[in-house]
Amino acid sequence: MKNNKLLNLALVAACALASGATMAQESEGPWLVRARAVNLASANKDFTGLGLSINDKVIPEVDVSYFFTRNIAAELVLTVPQKHDVNATALNGKIGTLKHLPPSLLLQYHFDAPGFKPYVGAGLNYTRFSSVHLPAGVGIDKSSWGGALQVGVDIPLSKNLVLNLDVKKVYIQADVFAGGAKAGTFKVDPVLVGIGLGYRF
């Protein structure tokens, strides 16, 4: 008898918690802004024969998401122009530097799960290369369009604050020219692993 009362009390408490969580989720605003520290690790796929590569680095990232429904959102991923060293094994090391700005726009699906919200996303990346300093006669395309894939999770810390873990695969490439002729293609294709905080309103 006592056990039945305890069981009934536990069921009532569980229902109340579930109801409260549902109401909290339904009252969430449509905007989510996150700030992340992201490790950019380039795939460095070189098709020029020069053995081109750029260095990995940790970069700042800010994204803004808008929820069209409880589960579907769009995310705009932003950062500031990032400077990289350009290396070529065929030329014994560093041959120059460049900057790139790689904003992405992704459509996401956020799953319902107790205590956290995992998500997947897919979309488009546009990268603009600038401040390109390479040996005389060597150049690259200044822009790149490619796909972007994403998986991550938001873990609630309070009513509006979340801890975010995020992994993206972004497809970035540039044609390389030497003496006015195409020498091949260099694919950055980085994996970006990030951790940060988000605020929902």
N, C-alpha and C. Protein backbone atom coordinates (compact mmCIF):
# COMPACT_ATOMS: atom_id res chain seq x y z
N MET A 1 0.83 -1.20 0.00
CA MET A 1 0.00 0.00 0.00
C MET A 1 0.87 1.26 0.00
N LYS A 2 1.86 1.21 0.90
CA LYS A 2 2.77 2.34 0.98
C LYS A 2 3.54 2.50 -0.33
N ASN A 3 3.94 1.33 -0.90
CA ASN A 3 4.68 1.36 -2.16
C ASN A 3 3.84 1.94 -3.28
N ASN A 4 2.52 1.61 -3.28
CA ASN A 4 1.62 2.14 -4.31
C ASN A 4 1.52 3.66 -4.21
N LYS A 5 1.44 4.17 -2.97
CA LYS A 5 1.36 5.62 -2.78
C LYS A 5 2.63 6.30 -3.29
N LEU A 6 3.78 5.68 -2.99
CA LEU A 6 5.05 6.24 -3.45
C LEU A 6 5.12 6.23 -4.97
N LEU A 7 4.65 5.13 -5.57
CA LEU A 7 4.66 5.01 -7.02
C LEU A 7 3.76 6.06 -7.65
N ASN A 8 2.55 6.23 -7.08
CA ASN A 8 1.63 7.24 -7.59
C ASN A 8 2.22 8.65 -7.46
N LEU A 9 2.89 8.90 -6.34
CA LEU A 9 3.52 10.21 -6.13
C LEU A 9 4.63 10.45 -7.14
N ALA A 10 5.41 9.41 -7.42
CA ALA A 10 6.49 9.52 -8.39
C ALA A 10 5.94 9.78 -9.78
N LEU A 11 4.83 9.11 -10.12
CA LEU A 11 4.21 9.31 -11.43
C LEU A 11 3.67 10.73 -11.58
N VAL A 12 3.04 11.23 -10.52
CA VAL A 12 2.52 12.60 -10.54
C VAL A 12 3.67 13.59 -10.71
N ALA A 13 4.78 13.37 -9.99
CA ALA A 13 5.94 14.26 -10.07
C ALA A 13 6.54 14.23 -11.47
N ALA A 14 6.64 13.02 -12.04
CA ALA A 14 7.20 12.88 -13.39
C ALA A 14 6.33 13.60 -14.41
N CYS A 15 5.01 13.44 -14.27
CA CYS A 15 4.08 14.13 -15.19
C CYS A 15 4.20 15.65 -15.05
N ALA A 16 4.35 16.11 -13.81
CA ALA A 16 4.48 17.55 -13.59
C ALA A 16 5.75 18.09 -14.21
N LEU A 17 6.85 17.33 -14.05
CA LEU A 17 8.12 17.76 -14.64
C LEU A 17 8.05 17.77 -16.16
N ALA A 18 7.44 16.72 -16.73
CA ALA A 18 7.31 16.66 -18.18
C ALA A 18 6.45 17.78 -18.70
N SER A 19 5.35 18.07 -17.97
CA SER A 19 4.47 19.16 -18.37
C SER A 19 5.19 20.49 -18.30
N GLY A 20 5.99 20.68 -17.22
CA GLY A 20 6.75 21.92 -17.07
C GLY A 20 7.77 22.09 -18.16
N ALA A 21 8.45 20.99 -18.52
CA ALA A 21 9.46 21.07 -19.58
C ALA A 21 8.82 21.40 -20.92
N THR A 22 7.64 20.79 -21.17
CA THR A 22 6.93 21.07 -22.42
C THR A 22 6.51 22.53 -22.49
N MET A 23 5.96 23.05 -21.39
CA MET A 23 5.53 24.45 -21.36
C MET A 23 6.72 25.38 -21.55
N ALA A 24 7.87 25.02 -20.92
CA ALA A 24 9.06 25.86 -21.06
C ALA A 24 9.53 25.89 -22.50
N GLN A 25 9.51 24.70 -23.18
CA GLN A 25 9.94 24.64 -24.57
C GLN A 25 9.00 25.42 -25.47
N GLU A 26 7.70 25.31 -25.18
CA GLU A 26 6.73 26.00 -26.03
C GLU A 26 6.81 27.51 -25.85
N SER A 27 7.30 27.95 -24.67
CA SER A 27 7.41 29.38 -24.43
C SER A 27 8.73 29.96 -24.90
N GLU A 28 9.61 29.12 -25.43
CA GLU A 28 10.90 29.60 -25.91
C GLU A 28 10.71 30.55 -27.08
N GLY A 29 11.55 31.58 -27.13
CA GLY A 29 11.50 32.50 -28.24
C GLY A 29 12.08 31.86 -29.50
N PRO A 30 11.87 32.49 -30.66
CA PRO A 30 12.31 31.90 -31.92
C PRO A 30 13.79 32.13 -32.23
N TRP A 31 14.47 32.99 -31.47
CA TRP A 31 15.86 33.33 -31.77
C TRP A 31 16.82 32.61 -30.82
N LEU A 32 17.94 32.16 -31.38
CA LEU A 32 19.01 31.55 -30.58
C LEU A 32 20.34 32.09 -31.11
N VAL A 33 21.09 32.76 -30.25
CA VAL A 33 22.40 33.31 -30.62
C VAL A 33 23.46 32.55 -29.85
N ARG A 34 24.49 32.07 -30.57
CA ARG A 34 25.56 31.32 -29.92
C ARG A 34 26.92 31.97 -30.23
N ALA A 35 27.84 31.82 -29.30
CA ALA A 35 29.25 32.18 -29.51
C ALA A 35 30.08 30.94 -29.23
N ARG A 36 30.97 30.62 -30.17
CA ARG A 36 31.75 29.39 -30.03
C ARG A 36 33.24 29.67 -30.22
N ALA A 37 34.08 28.82 -29.61
CA ALA A 37 35.48 28.68 -29.99
C ALA A 37 35.56 27.43 -30.86
N VAL A 38 36.15 27.57 -32.04
CA VAL A 38 36.11 26.50 -33.04
C VAL A 38 37.51 26.14 -33.50
N ASN A 39 37.81 24.85 -33.51
CA ASN A 39 39.08 24.38 -34.07
C ASN A 39 38.87 24.04 -35.55
N LEU A 40 39.56 24.77 -36.41
CA LEU A 40 39.47 24.54 -37.85
C LEU A 40 40.62 23.64 -38.27
N ALA A 41 40.30 22.44 -38.75
CA ALA A 41 41.30 21.48 -39.21
C ALA A 41 41.07 21.22 -40.70
N SER A 42 42.00 21.69 -41.53
CA SER A 42 41.85 21.58 -42.97
C SER A 42 42.18 20.18 -43.46
N ALA A 43 41.43 19.72 -44.46
CA ALA A 43 41.73 18.43 -45.09
C ALA A 43 42.98 18.53 -45.97
N ASN A 44 43.30 19.74 -46.49
CA ASN A 44 44.49 19.97 -47.30
C ASN A 44 44.62 18.97 -48.45
N LYS A 45 43.61 18.94 -49.29
CA LYS A 45 43.65 18.07 -50.48
C LYS A 45 44.20 18.87 -51.65
N ASP A 46 45.42 18.55 -52.04
CA ASP A 46 46.10 19.31 -53.09
C ASP A 46 46.11 18.53 -54.41
N PHE A 47 45.70 19.23 -55.50
CA PHE A 47 45.70 18.61 -56.83
C PHE A 47 46.52 19.46 -57.80
N THR A 48 47.57 20.10 -57.26
CA THR A 48 48.45 20.91 -58.10
C THR A 48 49.83 20.28 -58.27
N GLY A 49 50.14 19.29 -57.44
CA GLY A 49 51.47 18.71 -57.45
C GLY A 49 52.47 19.46 -56.59
N LEU A 50 52.02 20.55 -55.94
CA LEU A 50 52.92 21.35 -55.11
C LEU A 50 52.90 20.93 -53.64
N GLY A 51 51.95 20.10 -53.28
CA GLY A 51 51.81 19.72 -51.87
C GLY A 51 51.36 20.87 -51.01
N LEU A 52 50.34 21.60 -51.48
CA LEU A 52 49.85 22.78 -50.77
C LEU A 52 49.12 22.40 -49.49
N SER A 53 49.23 23.27 -48.48
CA SER A 53 48.48 23.08 -47.24
C SER A 53 48.38 24.42 -46.53
N ILE A 54 47.37 24.53 -45.65
CA ILE A 54 47.27 25.69 -44.76
C ILE A 54 47.27 25.16 -43.32
N ASN A 55 47.61 26.03 -42.38
CA ASN A 55 47.70 25.62 -40.98
C ASN A 55 46.33 25.54 -40.33
N ASP A 56 46.20 24.62 -39.38
CA ASP A 56 45.00 24.55 -38.54
C ASP A 56 45.06 25.69 -37.52
N LYS A 57 43.89 26.10 -37.02
CA LYS A 57 43.87 27.15 -36.00
C LYS A 57 42.53 27.17 -35.28
N VAL A 58 42.52 27.79 -34.12
CA VAL A 58 41.28 28.00 -33.36
C VAL A 58 40.75 29.39 -33.71
N ILE A 59 39.47 29.46 -34.07
CA ILE A 59 38.88 30.71 -34.51
C ILE A 59 37.61 31.01 -33.71
N PRO A 60 37.23 32.29 -33.61
CA PRO A 60 35.95 32.64 -32.98
C PRO A 60 34.82 32.47 -33.98
N GLU A 61 33.65 32.13 -33.48
CA GLU A 61 32.49 31.96 -34.36
C GLU A 61 31.24 32.43 -33.65
N VAL A 62 30.38 33.11 -34.38
CA VAL A 62 29.08 33.55 -33.86
C VAL A 62 28.02 33.07 -34.84
N ASP A 63 26.94 32.54 -34.32
CA ASP A 63 25.85 32.15 -35.22
C ASP A 63 24.51 32.65 -34.68
N VAL A 64 23.60 32.88 -35.60
CA VAL A 64 22.25 33.32 -35.27
C VAL A 64 21.27 32.32 -35.88
N SER A 65 20.42 31.75 -35.05
CA SER A 65 19.42 30.78 -35.52
C SER A 65 18.01 31.34 -35.33
N TYR A 66 17.15 31.02 -36.27
CA TYR A 66 15.73 31.37 -36.15
C TYR A 66 14.90 30.10 -36.30
N PHE A 67 14.03 29.84 -35.32
CA PHE A 67 13.19 28.64 -35.33
C PHE A 67 11.85 28.95 -36.00
N PHE A 68 11.64 28.31 -37.16
CA PHE A 68 10.35 28.45 -37.85
C PHE A 68 9.28 27.63 -37.15
N THR A 69 9.67 26.48 -36.61
CA THR A 69 8.79 25.63 -35.82
C THR A 69 9.59 25.14 -34.62
N ARG A 70 8.98 24.30 -33.81
CA ARG A 70 9.66 23.73 -32.64
C ARG A 70 10.94 23.01 -33.02
N ASN A 71 10.95 22.38 -34.21
CA ASN A 71 12.06 21.52 -34.60
C ASN A 71 12.90 22.02 -35.77
N ILE A 72 12.36 22.95 -36.56
CA ILE A 72 13.06 23.38 -37.77
C ILE A 72 13.58 24.81 -37.61
N ALA A 73 14.87 24.98 -37.90
CA ALA A 73 15.50 26.29 -37.75
C ALA A 73 16.47 26.53 -38.89
N ALA A 74 16.79 27.80 -39.12
CA ALA A 74 17.85 28.18 -40.04
C ALA A 74 18.94 28.85 -39.23
N GLU A 75 20.19 28.56 -39.57
CA GLU A 75 21.32 29.10 -38.83
C GLU A 75 22.29 29.79 -39.78
N LEU A 76 22.65 31.03 -39.45
CA LEU A 76 23.67 31.78 -40.18
C LEU A 76 24.93 31.77 -39.32
N VAL A 77 26.02 31.21 -39.88
CA VAL A 77 27.28 31.07 -39.16
C VAL A 77 28.26 32.13 -39.65
N LEU A 78 28.80 32.91 -38.70
CA LEU A 78 29.67 34.03 -39.06
C LEU A 78 30.97 33.98 -38.27
N THR A 79 32.02 34.57 -38.86
CA THR A 79 33.27 34.79 -38.16
C THR A 79 33.92 36.02 -38.78
N VAL A 80 35.17 36.27 -38.43
CA VAL A 80 35.92 37.36 -39.03
C VAL A 80 36.95 36.75 -39.98
N PRO A 81 37.49 37.54 -40.94
CA PRO A 81 38.50 36.97 -41.86
C PRO A 81 39.65 36.33 -41.09
N GLN A 82 39.99 35.11 -41.50
CA GLN A 82 41.02 34.34 -40.81
C GLN A 82 42.28 34.24 -41.66
N LYS A 83 43.43 34.54 -41.04
CA LYS A 83 44.70 34.49 -41.76
C LYS A 83 45.35 33.12 -41.61
N HIS A 84 45.86 32.58 -42.72
CA HIS A 84 46.53 31.28 -42.72
C HIS A 84 47.86 31.38 -43.45
N ASP A 85 48.82 30.59 -42.99
CA ASP A 85 50.05 30.39 -43.75
C ASP A 85 49.78 29.37 -44.85
N VAL A 86 50.37 29.60 -46.01
CA VAL A 86 50.27 28.66 -47.13
C VAL A 86 51.63 27.99 -47.29
N ASN A 87 51.63 26.67 -47.24
CA ASN A 87 52.86 25.90 -47.36
C ASN A 87 52.83 25.02 -48.60
N ALA A 88 54.01 24.72 -49.13
CA ALA A 88 54.13 23.83 -50.29
C ALA A 88 55.34 22.93 -50.07
N THR A 89 55.09 21.63 -49.96
CA THR A 89 56.20 20.70 -49.72
C THR A 89 57.17 20.69 -50.90
N ALA A 90 56.65 20.93 -52.12
CA ALA A 90 57.53 20.94 -53.30
C ALA A 90 58.47 22.14 -53.30
N LEU A 91 58.11 23.17 -52.49
CA LEU A 91 58.94 24.38 -52.43
C LEU A 91 59.55 24.56 -51.04
N ASN A 92 59.59 23.48 -50.30
CA ASN A 92 60.30 23.43 -49.01
C ASN A 92 59.73 24.36 -47.93
N GLY A 93 58.39 24.45 -47.84
CA GLY A 93 57.83 25.17 -46.70
C GLY A 93 56.89 26.29 -47.06
N LYS A 94 56.88 27.32 -46.22
CA LYS A 94 55.93 28.42 -46.37
C LYS A 94 56.21 29.23 -47.63
N ILE A 95 55.14 29.47 -48.41
CA ILE A 95 55.29 30.25 -49.63
C ILE A 95 54.45 31.54 -49.60
N GLY A 96 53.65 31.73 -48.54
CA GLY A 96 52.85 32.94 -48.48
C GLY A 96 51.75 32.85 -47.44
N THR A 97 50.81 33.80 -47.52
CA THR A 97 49.69 33.85 -46.60
C THR A 97 48.42 34.25 -47.35
N LEU A 98 47.30 34.00 -46.73
CA LEU A 98 46.01 34.46 -47.26
C LEU A 98 45.02 34.58 -46.12
N LYS A 99 43.93 35.31 -46.37
CA LYS A 99 42.81 35.38 -45.44
C LYS A 99 41.58 34.81 -46.12
N HIS A 100 40.71 34.22 -45.31
CA HIS A 100 39.45 33.76 -45.88
C HIS A 100 38.31 34.05 -44.90
N LEU A 101 37.14 34.36 -45.46
CA LEU A 101 35.93 34.63 -44.69
C LEU A 101 34.87 33.62 -45.15
N PRO A 102 34.48 32.67 -44.27
CA PRO A 102 33.64 31.56 -44.72
C PRO A 102 32.24 31.47 -44.10
N PRO A 103 31.36 32.46 -44.31
CA PRO A 103 30.01 32.33 -43.72
C PRO A 103 29.24 31.16 -44.33
N SER A 104 28.36 30.56 -43.52
CA SER A 104 27.52 29.44 -43.98
C SER A 104 26.08 29.67 -43.55
N LEU A 105 25.16 29.17 -44.35
CA LEU A 105 23.74 29.21 -44.02
C LEU A 105 23.22 27.78 -44.06
N LEU A 106 22.66 27.32 -42.94
CA LEU A 106 22.23 25.93 -42.82
C LEU A 106 20.78 25.83 -42.39
N LEU A 107 20.11 24.81 -42.88
CA LEU A 107 18.76 24.45 -42.42
C LEU A 107 18.92 23.28 -41.47
N GLN A 108 18.31 23.40 -40.28
CA GLN A 108 18.51 22.40 -39.23
C GLN A 108 17.22 21.71 -38.81
N TYR A 109 17.38 20.48 -38.32
CA TYR A 109 16.28 19.79 -37.65
C TYR A 109 16.74 19.49 -36.22
N HIS A 110 15.98 19.99 -35.24
CA HIS A 110 16.28 19.80 -33.83
C HIS A 110 15.37 18.71 -33.27
N PHE A 111 15.98 17.68 -32.70
CA PHE A 111 15.23 16.55 -32.15
C PHE A 111 14.78 16.86 -30.72
N ASP A 112 13.66 16.28 -30.34
CA ASP A 112 13.17 16.39 -28.96
C ASP A 112 13.78 15.26 -28.13
N ALA A 113 14.48 15.62 -27.08
CA ALA A 113 15.07 14.62 -26.19
C ALA A 113 15.06 15.19 -24.78
N PRO A 114 14.93 14.34 -23.75
CA PRO A 114 14.89 14.84 -22.37
C PRO A 114 16.25 15.37 -21.93
N GLY A 115 16.29 16.65 -21.55
CA GLY A 115 17.51 17.21 -21.00
C GLY A 115 18.48 17.80 -22.01
N PHE A 116 18.29 17.56 -23.29
CA PHE A 116 19.18 18.13 -24.29
C PHE A 116 18.48 18.10 -25.65
N LYS A 117 19.02 18.87 -26.62
CA LYS A 117 18.41 18.94 -27.94
C LYS A 117 19.47 18.73 -29.02
N PRO A 118 19.62 17.50 -29.50
CA PRO A 118 20.54 17.27 -30.61
C PRO A 118 19.95 17.79 -31.92
N TYR A 119 20.81 18.11 -32.88
CA TYR A 119 20.34 18.60 -34.16
C TYR A 119 21.29 18.20 -35.28
N VAL A 120 20.76 18.21 -36.49
CA VAL A 120 21.56 18.02 -37.69
C VAL A 120 21.24 19.16 -38.64
N GLY A 121 22.19 19.49 -39.51
CA GLY A 121 21.97 20.59 -40.43
C GLY A 121 22.70 20.36 -41.74
N ALA A 122 22.22 21.04 -42.77
CA ALA A 122 22.87 21.00 -44.08
C ALA A 122 22.59 22.32 -44.77
N GLY A 123 23.56 22.78 -45.56
CA GLY A 123 23.34 24.05 -46.22
C GLY A 123 24.47 24.42 -47.16
N LEU A 124 24.71 25.72 -47.27
CA LEU A 124 25.62 26.27 -48.27
C LEU A 124 26.66 27.16 -47.62
N ASN A 125 27.89 27.05 -48.10
CA ASN A 125 28.98 27.90 -47.63
C ASN A 125 29.49 28.77 -48.78
N TYR A 126 29.77 30.03 -48.46
CA TYR A 126 30.45 30.92 -49.40
C TYR A 126 31.72 31.42 -48.73
N THR A 127 32.85 31.21 -49.38
CA THR A 127 34.13 31.65 -48.83
C THR A 127 34.76 32.68 -49.75
N ARG A 128 35.19 33.78 -49.15
CA ARG A 128 35.87 34.84 -49.90
C ARG A 128 37.33 34.91 -49.46
N PHE A 129 38.25 34.74 -50.40
CA PHE A 129 39.68 34.84 -50.11
C PHE A 129 40.14 36.27 -50.35
N SER A 130 40.98 36.76 -49.44
CA SER A 130 41.51 38.12 -49.57
C SER A 130 42.93 38.16 -49.03
N SER A 131 43.59 39.31 -49.23
CA SER A 131 44.98 39.49 -48.76
C SER A 131 45.84 38.28 -49.13
N VAL A 132 45.75 37.88 -50.39
CA VAL A 132 46.50 36.72 -50.87
C VAL A 132 47.92 37.17 -51.24
N HIS A 133 48.90 36.63 -50.54
CA HIS A 133 50.30 36.95 -50.79
C HIS A 133 51.05 35.66 -51.11
N LEU A 134 51.24 35.42 -52.40
CA LEU A 134 51.89 34.22 -52.90
C LEU A 134 53.03 34.63 -53.83
N PRO A 135 53.89 33.68 -54.21
CA PRO A 135 55.00 34.04 -55.10
C PRO A 135 54.50 34.69 -56.40
N ALA A 136 55.32 35.52 -57.00
CA ALA A 136 54.97 36.22 -58.24
C ALA A 136 54.50 35.23 -59.30
N GLY A 137 53.37 35.58 -59.92
CA GLY A 137 52.83 34.73 -60.98
C GLY A 137 51.89 33.65 -60.50
N VAL A 138 51.75 33.51 -59.17
CA VAL A 138 50.87 32.48 -58.60
C VAL A 138 49.65 33.17 -58.00
N GLY A 139 48.45 32.66 -58.31
CA GLY A 139 47.22 33.23 -57.78
C GLY A 139 46.16 32.17 -57.59
N ILE A 140 45.05 32.56 -56.95
CA ILE A 140 43.94 31.64 -56.71
C ILE A 140 42.63 32.36 -57.00
N ASP A 141 41.57 31.57 -57.24
CA ASP A 141 40.23 32.14 -57.30
C ASP A 141 39.92 32.82 -55.98
N LYS A 142 39.21 33.94 -56.06
CA LYS A 142 38.93 34.71 -54.85
C LYS A 142 37.65 34.28 -54.13
N SER A 143 36.89 33.36 -54.69
CA SER A 143 35.65 32.95 -54.03
C SER A 143 35.39 31.47 -54.25
N SER A 144 34.64 30.88 -53.34
CA SER A 144 34.31 29.46 -53.40
C SER A 144 32.91 29.23 -52.87
N TRP A 145 32.12 28.42 -53.58
CA TRP A 145 30.81 27.98 -53.12
C TRP A 145 30.87 26.48 -52.86
N GLY A 146 30.26 26.04 -51.77
CA GLY A 146 30.27 24.61 -51.48
C GLY A 146 29.23 24.27 -50.43
N GLY A 147 29.08 22.98 -50.19
CA GLY A 147 28.11 22.50 -49.21
C GLY A 147 28.66 22.57 -47.79
N ALA A 148 27.76 22.42 -46.83
CA ALA A 148 28.14 22.39 -45.41
C ALA A 148 27.22 21.41 -44.69
N LEU A 149 27.79 20.55 -43.87
CA LEU A 149 27.04 19.58 -43.08
C LEU A 149 27.33 19.81 -41.60
N GLN A 150 26.39 19.47 -40.75
CA GLN A 150 26.50 19.84 -39.34
C GLN A 150 25.79 18.83 -38.45
N VAL A 151 26.37 18.61 -37.27
CA VAL A 151 25.70 17.86 -36.22
C VAL A 151 26.10 18.50 -34.90
N GLY A 152 25.16 18.58 -33.97
CA GLY A 152 25.48 19.23 -32.69
C GLY A 152 24.42 18.96 -31.65
N VAL A 153 24.61 19.60 -30.49
CA VAL A 153 23.66 19.42 -29.40
C VAL A 153 23.67 20.68 -28.54
N ASP A 154 22.48 21.08 -28.10
CA ASP A 154 22.31 22.16 -27.13
C ASP A 154 21.89 21.54 -25.80
N ILE A 155 22.63 21.87 -24.74
CA ILE A 155 22.33 21.34 -23.41
C ILE A 155 21.89 22.50 -22.52
N PRO A 156 20.62 22.52 -22.08
CA PRO A 156 20.13 23.64 -21.27
C PRO A 156 20.89 23.79 -19.96
N LEU A 157 21.29 25.04 -19.67
CA LEU A 157 21.92 25.36 -18.38
C LEU A 157 20.97 26.16 -17.50
N SER A 158 20.06 26.89 -18.14
CA SER A 158 19.02 27.63 -17.43
C SER A 158 17.87 27.82 -18.42
N LYS A 159 16.93 28.68 -18.08
CA LYS A 159 15.76 28.88 -18.95
C LYS A 159 16.15 29.34 -20.34
N ASN A 160 17.14 30.22 -20.44
CA ASN A 160 17.51 30.79 -21.73
C ASN A 160 18.91 30.39 -22.20
N LEU A 161 19.76 29.91 -21.29
CA LEU A 161 21.16 29.66 -21.61
C LEU A 161 21.41 28.19 -21.91
N VAL A 162 22.19 27.92 -22.97
CA VAL A 162 22.53 26.55 -23.33
C VAL A 162 24.03 26.41 -23.54
N LEU A 163 24.54 25.20 -23.26
CA LEU A 163 25.89 24.82 -23.64
C LEU A 163 25.79 24.15 -25.00
N ASN A 164 26.63 24.57 -25.94
CA ASN A 164 26.55 24.05 -27.30
C ASN A 164 27.82 23.31 -27.69
N LEU A 165 27.66 22.12 -28.27
CA LEU A 165 28.74 21.36 -28.89
C LEU A 165 28.36 21.17 -30.35
N ASP A 166 29.30 21.43 -31.26
CA ASP A 166 28.95 21.49 -32.68
C ASP A 166 30.11 21.01 -33.54
N VAL A 167 29.78 20.22 -34.58
CA VAL A 167 30.78 19.76 -35.55
C VAL A 167 30.25 20.03 -36.95
N LYS A 168 31.07 20.66 -37.77
CA LYS A 168 30.68 20.94 -39.15
C LYS A 168 31.75 20.43 -40.12
N LYS A 169 31.31 19.99 -41.28
CA LYS A 169 32.18 19.69 -42.41
C LYS A 169 31.81 20.68 -43.50
N VAL A 170 32.79 21.51 -43.91
CA VAL A 170 32.53 22.57 -44.88
C VAL A 170 33.40 22.34 -46.11
N TYR A 171 32.80 22.46 -47.29
CA TYR A 171 33.52 22.17 -48.54
C TYR A 171 33.96 23.49 -49.18
N ILE A 172 35.29 23.73 -49.13
CA ILE A 172 35.89 24.95 -49.63
C ILE A 172 37.04 24.58 -50.57
N GLN A 173 37.06 25.17 -51.76
CA GLN A 173 38.16 24.89 -52.68
C GLN A 173 38.49 26.12 -53.50
N ALA A 174 39.68 26.12 -54.09
CA ALA A 174 40.11 27.23 -54.94
C ALA A 174 40.97 26.70 -56.07
N ASP A 175 40.72 27.19 -57.28
CA ASP A 175 41.62 26.89 -58.39
C ASP A 175 42.90 27.69 -58.22
N VAL A 176 44.02 27.06 -58.52
CA VAL A 176 45.34 27.69 -58.39
C VAL A 176 45.90 27.94 -59.78
N PHE A 177 46.42 29.16 -59.99
CA PHE A 177 46.95 29.55 -61.30
C PHE A 177 48.43 29.89 -61.18
N ALA A 178 49.20 29.49 -62.19
CA ALA A 178 50.62 29.82 -62.26
C ALA A 178 50.93 30.29 -63.67
N GLY A 179 51.43 31.52 -63.77
CA GLY A 179 51.74 32.08 -65.08
C GLY A 179 50.52 32.24 -65.95
N GLY A 180 49.35 32.45 -65.32
CA GLY A 180 48.11 32.66 -66.07
C GLY A 180 47.39 31.38 -66.45
N ALA A 181 48.00 30.22 -66.20
CA ALA A 181 47.38 28.93 -66.54
C ALA A 181 46.97 28.20 -65.27
N LYS A 182 45.87 27.47 -65.36
CA LYS A 182 45.41 26.71 -64.21
C LYS A 182 46.38 25.59 -63.88
N ALA A 183 46.87 25.57 -62.63
CA ALA A 183 47.81 24.55 -62.20
C ALA A 183 47.12 23.39 -61.49
N GLY A 184 45.86 23.60 -61.08
CA GLY A 184 45.13 22.57 -60.37
C GLY A 184 44.19 23.18 -59.34
N THR A 185 43.70 22.34 -58.46
CA THR A 185 42.74 22.77 -57.44
C THR A 185 43.25 22.41 -56.05
N PHE A 186 43.03 23.30 -55.12
CA PHE A 186 43.35 23.04 -53.71
C PHE A 186 42.06 23.04 -52.92
N LYS A 187 41.80 21.95 -52.18
CA LYS A 187 40.59 21.83 -51.38
C LYS A 187 40.93 21.94 -49.90
N VAL A 188 40.35 22.97 -49.27
CA VAL A 188 40.54 23.15 -47.83
C VAL A 188 39.67 22.14 -47.07
N ASP A 189 38.38 22.10 -47.41
CA ASP A 189 37.41 21.12 -46.87
C ASP A 189 37.60 20.88 -45.37
N PRO A 190 37.51 21.91 -44.54
CA PRO A 190 37.84 21.72 -43.12
C PRO A 190 36.74 21.03 -42.32
N VAL A 191 37.14 20.42 -41.23
CA VAL A 191 36.24 19.99 -40.17
C VAL A 191 36.37 21.02 -39.05
N LEU A 192 35.23 21.52 -38.58
CA LEU A 192 35.23 22.54 -37.53
C LEU A 192 34.53 21.98 -36.30
N VAL A 193 35.27 21.88 -35.22
CA VAL A 193 34.74 21.35 -33.96
C VAL A 193 34.66 22.51 -32.97
N GLY A 194 33.46 22.78 -32.47
CA GLY A 194 33.26 23.96 -31.64
C GLY A 194 32.56 23.68 -30.32
N ILE A 195 32.82 24.57 -29.36
CA ILE A 195 32.12 24.54 -28.09
C ILE A 195 31.82 25.98 -27.70
N GLY A 196 30.63 26.21 -27.15
CA GLY A 196 30.28 27.57 -26.81
C GLY A 196 29.00 27.66 -26.01
N LEU A 197 28.50 28.88 -25.90
CA LEU A 197 27.27 29.14 -25.16
C LEU A 197 26.24 29.78 -26.08
N GLY A 198 24.98 29.50 -25.83
CA GLY A 198 23.90 30.08 -26.61
C GLY A 198 22.84 30.70 -25.72
N TYR A 199 22.14 31.69 -26.27
CA TYR A 199 21.06 32.36 -25.52
C TYR A 199 19.81 32.36 -26.38
N ARG A 200 18.72 31.79 -25.86
CA ARG A 200 17.45 31.67 -26.57
C ARG A 200 16.49 32.79 -26.11
N PHE A 201 15.90 33.48 -27.05
CA PHE A 201 14.95 34.55 -26.69
C PHE A 201 13.90 34.72 -27.77
